[in-house]
Each structure stands twice: as structure tokens, then as C-alpha cells.
N, C-alpha and C. Protein backbone atom coordinates (compact mmCIF):
# COMPACT_ATOMS: atom_id res chain seq x y z
N MET A 1 10.35 -1.72 27.54
CA MET A 1 10.21 -3.16 27.36
C MET A 1 9.66 -3.45 25.97
N SER A 2 10.33 -4.29 25.22
CA SER A 2 9.87 -4.60 23.87
C SER A 2 8.94 -5.82 23.90
N THR A 3 8.10 -5.87 22.91
CA THR A 3 7.15 -6.98 22.81
C THR A 3 7.86 -8.23 22.30
N PRO A 4 7.44 -9.38 22.76
CA PRO A 4 8.06 -10.61 22.25
C PRO A 4 7.55 -10.98 20.86
N TYR A 5 6.50 -10.30 20.41
CA TYR A 5 5.91 -10.66 19.13
C TYR A 5 6.28 -9.63 18.05
N LYS A 6 7.03 -10.11 17.09
CA LYS A 6 7.36 -9.26 15.94
C LYS A 6 6.63 -9.74 14.69
N ARG A 7 6.37 -11.06 14.61
CA ARG A 7 5.67 -11.65 13.46
C ARG A 7 4.65 -12.66 13.99
N ILE A 8 3.39 -12.41 13.67
CA ILE A 8 2.30 -13.29 14.10
C ILE A 8 1.71 -13.95 12.86
N LEU A 9 1.61 -15.27 12.90
CA LEU A 9 1.08 -16.05 11.78
C LEU A 9 -0.37 -16.45 12.06
N ILE A 10 -1.24 -16.19 11.08
CA ILE A 10 -2.63 -16.63 11.15
C ILE A 10 -2.91 -17.48 9.92
N PRO A 11 -2.97 -18.81 10.11
CA PRO A 11 -3.33 -19.68 8.99
C PRO A 11 -4.85 -19.65 8.79
N LEU A 12 -5.27 -19.50 7.55
CA LEU A 12 -6.70 -19.46 7.23
C LEU A 12 -7.01 -20.49 6.16
N ASP A 13 -8.18 -21.14 6.30
CA ASP A 13 -8.57 -22.16 5.33
C ASP A 13 -9.76 -21.73 4.46
N GLY A 14 -10.16 -20.47 4.57
CA GLY A 14 -11.28 -19.98 3.76
C GLY A 14 -12.61 -20.03 4.48
N SER A 15 -12.65 -20.60 5.66
CA SER A 15 -13.92 -20.72 6.38
C SER A 15 -14.10 -19.55 7.34
N LYS A 16 -15.35 -19.22 7.61
CA LYS A 16 -15.67 -18.18 8.60
C LYS A 16 -15.23 -18.61 9.99
N LEU A 17 -15.31 -19.92 10.28
CA LEU A 17 -14.86 -20.39 11.59
C LEU A 17 -13.37 -20.14 11.78
N ALA A 18 -12.58 -20.40 10.75
CA ALA A 18 -11.15 -20.15 10.85
C ALA A 18 -10.86 -18.66 11.03
N GLU A 19 -11.67 -17.82 10.40
CA GLU A 19 -11.48 -16.38 10.51
C GLU A 19 -11.77 -15.86 11.92
N GLY A 20 -12.41 -16.68 12.75
CA GLY A 20 -12.70 -16.28 14.12
C GLY A 20 -11.46 -15.89 14.90
N CYS A 21 -10.31 -16.45 14.53
CA CYS A 21 -9.08 -16.12 15.26
C CYS A 21 -8.60 -14.71 14.94
N LEU A 22 -9.16 -14.09 13.91
CA LEU A 22 -8.79 -12.71 13.60
C LEU A 22 -9.20 -11.76 14.71
N ARG A 23 -10.27 -12.10 15.44
CA ARG A 23 -10.72 -11.23 16.53
C ARG A 23 -9.69 -11.17 17.66
N ASP A 24 -8.83 -12.19 17.76
CA ASP A 24 -7.75 -12.17 18.73
C ASP A 24 -6.43 -11.74 18.10
N GLY A 25 -6.14 -12.25 16.91
CA GLY A 25 -4.84 -12.01 16.27
C GLY A 25 -4.64 -10.59 15.78
N ALA A 26 -5.65 -10.00 15.16
CA ALA A 26 -5.50 -8.64 14.63
C ALA A 26 -5.29 -7.60 15.74
N PRO A 27 -6.10 -7.61 16.81
CA PRO A 27 -5.84 -6.65 17.89
C PRO A 27 -4.49 -6.87 18.58
N LEU A 28 -4.08 -8.12 18.68
CA LEU A 28 -2.78 -8.42 19.28
C LEU A 28 -1.66 -7.83 18.44
N ALA A 29 -1.77 -7.99 17.12
CA ALA A 29 -0.77 -7.40 16.23
C ALA A 29 -0.79 -5.88 16.34
N GLU A 30 -1.98 -5.32 16.41
CA GLU A 30 -2.08 -3.86 16.52
C GLU A 30 -1.47 -3.36 17.82
N SER A 31 -1.77 -4.03 18.92
CA SER A 31 -1.29 -3.55 20.23
C SER A 31 0.21 -3.75 20.42
N THR A 32 0.79 -4.74 19.76
CA THR A 32 2.22 -5.01 19.92
C THR A 32 3.07 -4.45 18.79
N GLY A 33 2.41 -3.99 17.71
CA GLY A 33 3.14 -3.50 16.56
C GLY A 33 3.73 -4.62 15.72
N ALA A 34 3.24 -5.84 15.93
CA ALA A 34 3.77 -6.99 15.19
C ALA A 34 3.24 -7.02 13.76
N GLU A 35 4.04 -7.60 12.88
CA GLU A 35 3.60 -7.84 11.53
C GLU A 35 2.70 -9.07 11.53
N LEU A 36 1.58 -8.99 10.83
CA LEU A 36 0.65 -10.10 10.74
C LEU A 36 0.88 -10.79 9.39
N VAL A 37 0.96 -12.12 9.41
CA VAL A 37 1.12 -12.90 8.19
C VAL A 37 -0.07 -13.82 8.07
N LEU A 38 -0.87 -13.65 7.01
CA LEU A 38 -2.00 -14.53 6.73
C LEU A 38 -1.51 -15.62 5.78
N LEU A 39 -1.66 -16.87 6.21
CA LEU A 39 -1.15 -18.00 5.42
C LEU A 39 -2.29 -18.87 4.93
N GLY A 40 -2.28 -19.15 3.65
CA GLY A 40 -3.18 -20.14 3.05
C GLY A 40 -2.36 -21.33 2.61
N VAL A 41 -2.87 -22.52 2.88
CA VAL A 41 -2.18 -23.73 2.48
C VAL A 41 -3.01 -24.45 1.43
N VAL A 42 -2.40 -24.71 0.30
CA VAL A 42 -3.05 -25.44 -0.79
C VAL A 42 -2.54 -26.87 -0.73
N GLU A 43 -3.46 -27.80 -0.57
CA GLU A 43 -3.04 -29.20 -0.52
C GLU A 43 -2.68 -29.68 -1.92
N PRO A 44 -1.72 -30.59 -2.02
CA PRO A 44 -1.31 -31.09 -3.34
C PRO A 44 -2.47 -31.71 -4.11
N ILE A 45 -2.40 -31.58 -5.42
CA ILE A 45 -3.42 -32.12 -6.31
C ILE A 45 -3.21 -33.62 -6.45
N ARG A 46 -4.27 -34.36 -6.32
CA ARG A 46 -4.19 -35.82 -6.47
C ARG A 46 -4.88 -36.33 -7.75
N ASP A 47 -5.80 -35.53 -8.27
CA ASP A 47 -6.55 -35.94 -9.45
C ASP A 47 -6.54 -34.84 -10.49
N VAL A 48 -6.77 -35.22 -11.74
CA VAL A 48 -6.92 -34.25 -12.81
C VAL A 48 -8.40 -33.97 -12.97
N LEU A 49 -8.77 -32.69 -12.95
CA LEU A 49 -10.17 -32.29 -13.06
C LEU A 49 -10.56 -32.04 -14.51
N ALA A 50 -11.83 -32.27 -14.80
CA ALA A 50 -12.36 -31.93 -16.11
C ALA A 50 -13.32 -30.76 -15.93
N VAL A 51 -13.14 -29.71 -16.70
CA VAL A 51 -14.01 -28.54 -16.68
C VAL A 51 -14.50 -28.30 -18.08
N ASP A 52 -15.83 -28.32 -18.28
CA ASP A 52 -16.42 -28.13 -19.60
C ASP A 52 -15.81 -29.07 -20.63
N GLY A 53 -15.60 -30.32 -20.24
CA GLY A 53 -15.07 -31.32 -21.16
C GLY A 53 -13.58 -31.21 -21.41
N GLN A 54 -12.93 -30.21 -20.86
CA GLN A 54 -11.49 -30.05 -21.04
C GLN A 54 -10.79 -30.42 -19.74
N LYS A 55 -9.71 -31.13 -19.85
CA LYS A 55 -8.95 -31.50 -18.66
C LYS A 55 -8.04 -30.35 -18.23
N LEU A 56 -8.08 -30.09 -16.95
CA LEU A 56 -7.13 -29.14 -16.38
C LEU A 56 -6.00 -29.98 -15.79
N HIS A 57 -4.83 -29.74 -16.25
CA HIS A 57 -3.69 -30.50 -15.78
C HIS A 57 -3.25 -30.00 -14.41
N VAL A 58 -2.45 -30.78 -13.74
CA VAL A 58 -2.05 -30.51 -12.37
C VAL A 58 -1.47 -29.11 -12.22
N ASP A 59 -0.58 -28.69 -13.10
CA ASP A 59 0.02 -27.36 -13.00
C ASP A 59 -1.04 -26.26 -13.08
N GLU A 60 -1.98 -26.43 -14.03
CA GLU A 60 -3.04 -25.44 -14.17
C GLU A 60 -3.95 -25.42 -12.95
N GLN A 61 -4.25 -26.60 -12.41
CA GLN A 61 -5.08 -26.66 -11.20
C GLN A 61 -4.41 -25.97 -10.04
N MET A 62 -3.11 -26.22 -9.87
CA MET A 62 -2.38 -25.61 -8.76
C MET A 62 -2.37 -24.09 -8.90
N GLU A 63 -2.14 -23.59 -10.09
CA GLU A 63 -2.12 -22.15 -10.29
C GLU A 63 -3.50 -21.55 -10.03
N LEU A 64 -4.54 -22.26 -10.45
CA LEU A 64 -5.91 -21.80 -10.19
C LEU A 64 -6.19 -21.76 -8.70
N ARG A 65 -5.82 -22.81 -7.98
CA ARG A 65 -6.03 -22.86 -6.53
C ARG A 65 -5.22 -21.78 -5.82
N ARG A 66 -3.97 -21.62 -6.21
CA ARG A 66 -3.12 -20.59 -5.59
C ARG A 66 -3.73 -19.21 -5.80
N ALA A 67 -4.21 -18.94 -7.01
CA ALA A 67 -4.81 -17.64 -7.33
C ALA A 67 -6.08 -17.42 -6.49
N GLN A 68 -6.88 -18.45 -6.30
CA GLN A 68 -8.10 -18.34 -5.48
C GLN A 68 -7.72 -18.02 -4.03
N VAL A 69 -6.72 -18.70 -3.51
CA VAL A 69 -6.31 -18.49 -2.12
C VAL A 69 -5.72 -17.08 -1.95
N ILE A 70 -4.94 -16.64 -2.90
CA ILE A 70 -4.37 -15.29 -2.83
C ILE A 70 -5.47 -14.24 -2.85
N ARG A 71 -6.48 -14.40 -3.72
CA ARG A 71 -7.60 -13.46 -3.77
C ARG A 71 -8.32 -13.43 -2.42
N TYR A 72 -8.56 -14.60 -1.84
CA TYR A 72 -9.23 -14.70 -0.55
C TYR A 72 -8.41 -14.00 0.54
N LEU A 73 -7.11 -14.31 0.63
CA LEU A 73 -6.26 -13.70 1.65
C LEU A 73 -6.16 -12.18 1.48
N ASP A 74 -6.09 -11.72 0.23
CA ASP A 74 -6.05 -10.29 -0.03
C ASP A 74 -7.35 -9.62 0.44
N GLU A 75 -8.47 -10.30 0.26
CA GLU A 75 -9.76 -9.77 0.71
C GLU A 75 -9.78 -9.67 2.23
N VAL A 76 -9.28 -10.69 2.92
CA VAL A 76 -9.21 -10.67 4.38
C VAL A 76 -8.27 -9.54 4.82
N ARG A 77 -7.12 -9.43 4.17
CA ARG A 77 -6.17 -8.36 4.51
C ARG A 77 -6.83 -6.99 4.37
N HIS A 78 -7.60 -6.81 3.33
CA HIS A 78 -8.30 -5.54 3.11
C HIS A 78 -9.29 -5.27 4.24
N ARG A 79 -10.01 -6.31 4.69
CA ARG A 79 -10.99 -6.15 5.77
C ARG A 79 -10.36 -5.73 7.08
N ILE A 80 -9.14 -6.20 7.37
CA ILE A 80 -8.51 -5.90 8.66
C ILE A 80 -7.45 -4.81 8.54
N ALA A 81 -7.39 -4.15 7.41
CA ALA A 81 -6.31 -3.20 7.14
C ALA A 81 -6.13 -2.14 8.23
N GLY A 82 -7.19 -1.64 8.81
CA GLY A 82 -7.06 -0.60 9.81
C GLY A 82 -6.72 -1.11 11.20
N ARG A 83 -6.67 -2.44 11.37
CA ARG A 83 -6.50 -3.01 12.70
C ARG A 83 -5.09 -3.53 12.99
N CYS A 84 -4.20 -3.49 12.02
CA CYS A 84 -2.84 -3.93 12.29
C CYS A 84 -1.88 -3.11 11.43
N PRO A 85 -0.68 -2.85 11.95
CA PRO A 85 0.26 -1.97 11.26
C PRO A 85 0.79 -2.54 9.94
N SER A 86 0.99 -3.83 9.89
CA SER A 86 1.56 -4.45 8.70
C SER A 86 0.97 -5.85 8.54
N CYS A 87 0.55 -6.15 7.32
CA CYS A 87 -0.05 -7.45 7.07
C CYS A 87 0.38 -7.93 5.69
N GLU A 88 0.88 -9.16 5.64
CA GLU A 88 1.26 -9.75 4.37
C GLU A 88 0.51 -11.07 4.19
N VAL A 89 0.44 -11.53 2.96
CA VAL A 89 -0.19 -12.82 2.68
C VAL A 89 0.83 -13.76 2.08
N ALA A 90 0.63 -15.05 2.33
CA ALA A 90 1.52 -16.07 1.78
C ALA A 90 0.70 -17.30 1.46
N VAL A 91 1.09 -18.02 0.43
CA VAL A 91 0.45 -19.27 0.06
C VAL A 91 1.53 -20.32 -0.10
N GLU A 92 1.32 -21.46 0.54
CA GLU A 92 2.25 -22.57 0.46
C GLU A 92 1.49 -23.82 0.05
N VAL A 93 2.20 -24.80 -0.50
CA VAL A 93 1.61 -26.06 -0.91
C VAL A 93 2.09 -27.15 0.03
N GLY A 94 1.15 -27.98 0.52
CA GLY A 94 1.52 -29.09 1.37
C GLY A 94 0.38 -29.51 2.28
N ALA A 95 0.68 -30.42 3.18
CA ALA A 95 -0.28 -30.83 4.21
C ALA A 95 -0.40 -29.66 5.19
N PRO A 96 -1.63 -29.29 5.58
CA PRO A 96 -1.80 -28.07 6.37
C PRO A 96 -0.96 -27.97 7.64
N ALA A 97 -1.04 -28.91 8.55
CA ALA A 97 -0.32 -28.79 9.83
C ALA A 97 1.18 -28.70 9.61
N GLU A 98 1.71 -29.59 8.82
CA GLU A 98 3.15 -29.62 8.59
C GLU A 98 3.63 -28.34 7.89
N THR A 99 2.83 -27.84 6.97
CA THR A 99 3.19 -26.64 6.23
C THR A 99 3.17 -25.41 7.14
N ILE A 100 2.18 -25.33 8.02
CA ILE A 100 2.11 -24.22 8.98
C ILE A 100 3.35 -24.24 9.88
N LEU A 101 3.69 -25.39 10.39
CA LEU A 101 4.85 -25.52 11.28
C LEU A 101 6.16 -25.15 10.56
N GLU A 102 6.33 -25.63 9.35
CA GLU A 102 7.55 -25.33 8.59
C GLU A 102 7.61 -23.83 8.24
N PHE A 103 6.49 -23.25 7.87
CA PHE A 103 6.45 -21.82 7.54
C PHE A 103 6.86 -21.01 8.76
N ALA A 104 6.32 -21.37 9.93
CA ALA A 104 6.64 -20.65 11.16
C ALA A 104 8.13 -20.73 11.46
N ARG A 105 8.70 -21.89 11.25
CA ARG A 105 10.12 -22.08 11.52
C ARG A 105 10.99 -21.27 10.55
N VAL A 106 10.71 -21.37 9.28
CA VAL A 106 11.53 -20.74 8.24
C VAL A 106 11.40 -19.21 8.24
N HIS A 107 10.22 -18.70 8.60
CA HIS A 107 9.95 -17.27 8.50
C HIS A 107 9.99 -16.54 9.85
N SER A 108 10.64 -17.12 10.83
CA SER A 108 10.84 -16.47 12.13
C SER A 108 9.54 -15.94 12.74
N ILE A 109 8.54 -16.81 12.78
CA ILE A 109 7.27 -16.44 13.38
C ILE A 109 7.38 -16.56 14.90
N ASP A 110 6.86 -15.57 15.61
CA ASP A 110 6.93 -15.55 17.07
C ASP A 110 5.68 -16.11 17.75
N LEU A 111 4.56 -16.13 17.02
CA LEU A 111 3.30 -16.61 17.57
C LEU A 111 2.42 -17.08 16.44
N ILE A 112 1.79 -18.24 16.62
CA ILE A 112 0.80 -18.74 15.68
C ILE A 112 -0.56 -18.58 16.35
N VAL A 113 -1.48 -17.92 15.65
CA VAL A 113 -2.85 -17.73 16.15
C VAL A 113 -3.78 -18.45 15.19
N MET A 114 -4.53 -19.40 15.72
CA MET A 114 -5.45 -20.13 14.83
C MET A 114 -6.70 -20.55 15.59
N SER A 115 -7.72 -20.88 14.81
CA SER A 115 -8.99 -21.33 15.38
C SER A 115 -9.04 -22.83 15.36
N THR A 116 -9.79 -23.35 16.30
CA THR A 116 -10.17 -24.74 16.25
C THR A 116 -11.60 -24.76 15.76
N HIS A 117 -11.93 -25.70 14.92
CA HIS A 117 -13.29 -25.75 14.38
C HIS A 117 -14.29 -26.31 15.37
N GLY A 118 -13.83 -26.70 16.53
CA GLY A 118 -14.75 -27.14 17.57
C GLY A 118 -15.29 -28.53 17.40
N ARG A 119 -14.66 -29.32 16.55
CA ARG A 119 -15.11 -30.71 16.40
C ARG A 119 -14.71 -31.50 17.62
N SER A 120 -15.54 -32.48 17.92
CA SER A 120 -15.19 -33.38 19.02
C SER A 120 -15.63 -34.79 18.65
N GLY A 121 -15.24 -35.72 19.46
CA GLY A 121 -15.67 -37.10 19.26
C GLY A 121 -15.25 -37.67 17.93
N ILE A 122 -16.17 -38.38 17.30
CA ILE A 122 -15.87 -39.13 16.08
C ILE A 122 -15.52 -38.22 14.91
N SER A 123 -16.15 -37.04 14.81
CA SER A 123 -15.81 -36.17 13.67
C SER A 123 -14.38 -35.67 13.77
N ARG A 124 -13.90 -35.40 14.99
CA ARG A 124 -12.50 -34.98 15.15
C ARG A 124 -11.57 -36.14 14.80
N TRP A 125 -11.93 -37.33 15.24
CA TRP A 125 -11.10 -38.50 14.97
C TRP A 125 -11.04 -38.78 13.48
N LEU A 126 -12.18 -38.70 12.78
CA LEU A 126 -12.22 -38.99 11.35
C LEU A 126 -11.54 -37.90 10.53
N LEU A 127 -11.79 -36.64 10.88
CA LEU A 127 -11.29 -35.53 10.08
C LEU A 127 -9.91 -35.05 10.53
N GLY A 128 -9.52 -35.42 11.75
CA GLY A 128 -8.25 -34.92 12.27
C GLY A 128 -8.39 -33.49 12.70
N SER A 129 -7.40 -32.97 13.31
CA SER A 129 -7.42 -31.58 13.76
C SER A 129 -6.08 -30.94 13.44
N VAL A 130 -6.13 -29.99 12.51
CA VAL A 130 -4.90 -29.27 12.17
C VAL A 130 -4.39 -28.54 13.41
N ALA A 131 -5.30 -27.91 14.15
CA ALA A 131 -4.89 -27.18 15.35
C ALA A 131 -4.20 -28.11 16.35
N ALA A 132 -4.76 -29.28 16.57
CA ALA A 132 -4.16 -30.22 17.52
C ALA A 132 -2.77 -30.64 17.07
N LYS A 133 -2.59 -30.90 15.78
CA LYS A 133 -1.29 -31.28 15.26
C LYS A 133 -0.28 -30.16 15.43
N VAL A 134 -0.73 -28.92 15.18
CA VAL A 134 0.17 -27.77 15.32
C VAL A 134 0.57 -27.60 16.78
N ILE A 135 -0.40 -27.68 17.67
CA ILE A 135 -0.10 -27.54 19.11
C ILE A 135 0.91 -28.60 19.56
N GLN A 136 0.72 -29.83 19.14
CA GLN A 136 1.59 -30.93 19.57
C GLN A 136 3.02 -30.79 19.08
N ALA A 137 3.22 -30.23 17.89
CA ALA A 137 4.55 -30.22 17.30
C ALA A 137 5.22 -28.85 17.27
N ALA A 138 4.52 -27.79 17.62
CA ALA A 138 5.07 -26.44 17.48
C ALA A 138 6.18 -26.16 18.48
N THR A 139 7.18 -25.46 18.00
CA THR A 139 8.21 -24.93 18.89
C THR A 139 7.95 -23.43 19.12
N THR A 140 7.02 -22.90 18.36
CA THR A 140 6.57 -21.51 18.47
C THR A 140 5.33 -21.50 19.36
N PRO A 141 5.13 -20.48 20.19
CA PRO A 141 3.89 -20.40 20.97
C PRO A 141 2.67 -20.38 20.04
N VAL A 142 1.58 -21.01 20.49
CA VAL A 142 0.34 -21.11 19.72
C VAL A 142 -0.80 -20.59 20.57
N LEU A 143 -1.57 -19.67 20.02
CA LEU A 143 -2.78 -19.17 20.67
C LEU A 143 -3.95 -19.75 19.90
N ILE A 144 -4.80 -20.51 20.59
CA ILE A 144 -5.96 -21.14 19.95
C ILE A 144 -7.21 -20.36 20.35
N SER A 145 -7.97 -19.99 19.33
CA SER A 145 -9.22 -19.29 19.53
C SER A 145 -10.35 -20.27 19.23
N ARG A 146 -11.26 -20.43 20.17
CA ARG A 146 -12.38 -21.34 19.97
C ARG A 146 -13.32 -20.74 18.94
N ALA A 147 -13.53 -21.44 17.85
CA ALA A 147 -14.39 -20.93 16.78
C ALA A 147 -15.84 -20.99 17.22
N THR A 148 -16.57 -19.94 16.90
CA THR A 148 -18.00 -19.92 17.16
C THR A 148 -18.70 -19.53 15.87
N PRO A 149 -19.77 -20.24 15.52
CA PRO A 149 -20.47 -19.93 14.27
C PRO A 149 -21.12 -18.56 14.28
């Protein structure tokens, strides 16, 4: 009997809470032999930043952000290297929920594993929930791991 999971997507936002889903996703990838894909989403730039009196233009800012996310994802990949057979990193630009869903569709993802930050009430309403948006719109199965500090 073959496993239904060949590619597992884990979207990460750089927070330790988001990394909580690695405790479920990495062993699942290891036990099924699935490839693990760590995804970072960089939101579009809306403003031009000034650093040391010099303006960083949108293209430079995007490249800087992409490089930071790639370094972070590579560090996470290095930490879990012994726990899954294959792990790749990817960085996309866009709104987080929509970008995760599109990535899953385009890259033949079999399972999305992500954490919920555990917000409730007014903070969830004000900040929104990427996990909730993904769950509502996904055509791919989604495993949600409750984040714990």
C-alpha cells in the first residue's frame, strides 16, 4: 500500500509558534517518505524604506526580504535534516493565504501542515487568520497543529 502523501507543504512565517507544526509535519514526512516543502511568503512592498539616510527601492527591498526568508528556511531545513528524507525551500510573493493555496495547487502538494497562532476573539477578527482562510478554501487536505508557546 502506498502512502497518499508524496509532497507535504509547511508554510512558515518566521515565528516559533508557526514552527510548532514541524513536530507533526517532519515525522509525518519521515514515516511516509514524502518530500517536505518549507514555504515562506513575502508580502508585497507598499512603502519605500530609508536605511542610513539612503532609500531602498522596492526591488532592493524585495530582494533583501527574499534573501532573509531563504536564510531562515535554510536554517530550519538544516535543523530538521535528519528527520525527513527530502526537504526543499521555496519563497513566493503575495498575500499569505492565497499564495499558500496557489503554491499547493501548482506544485502538486498532497497535504498542507500549518500552525494556528491560537488567537481568538477580537485579535483573530482584527488580525485575520491565515490558517482559517487556508482551511476554508483548500482543495488539498490541511493538518492544523495548535501552536503552543
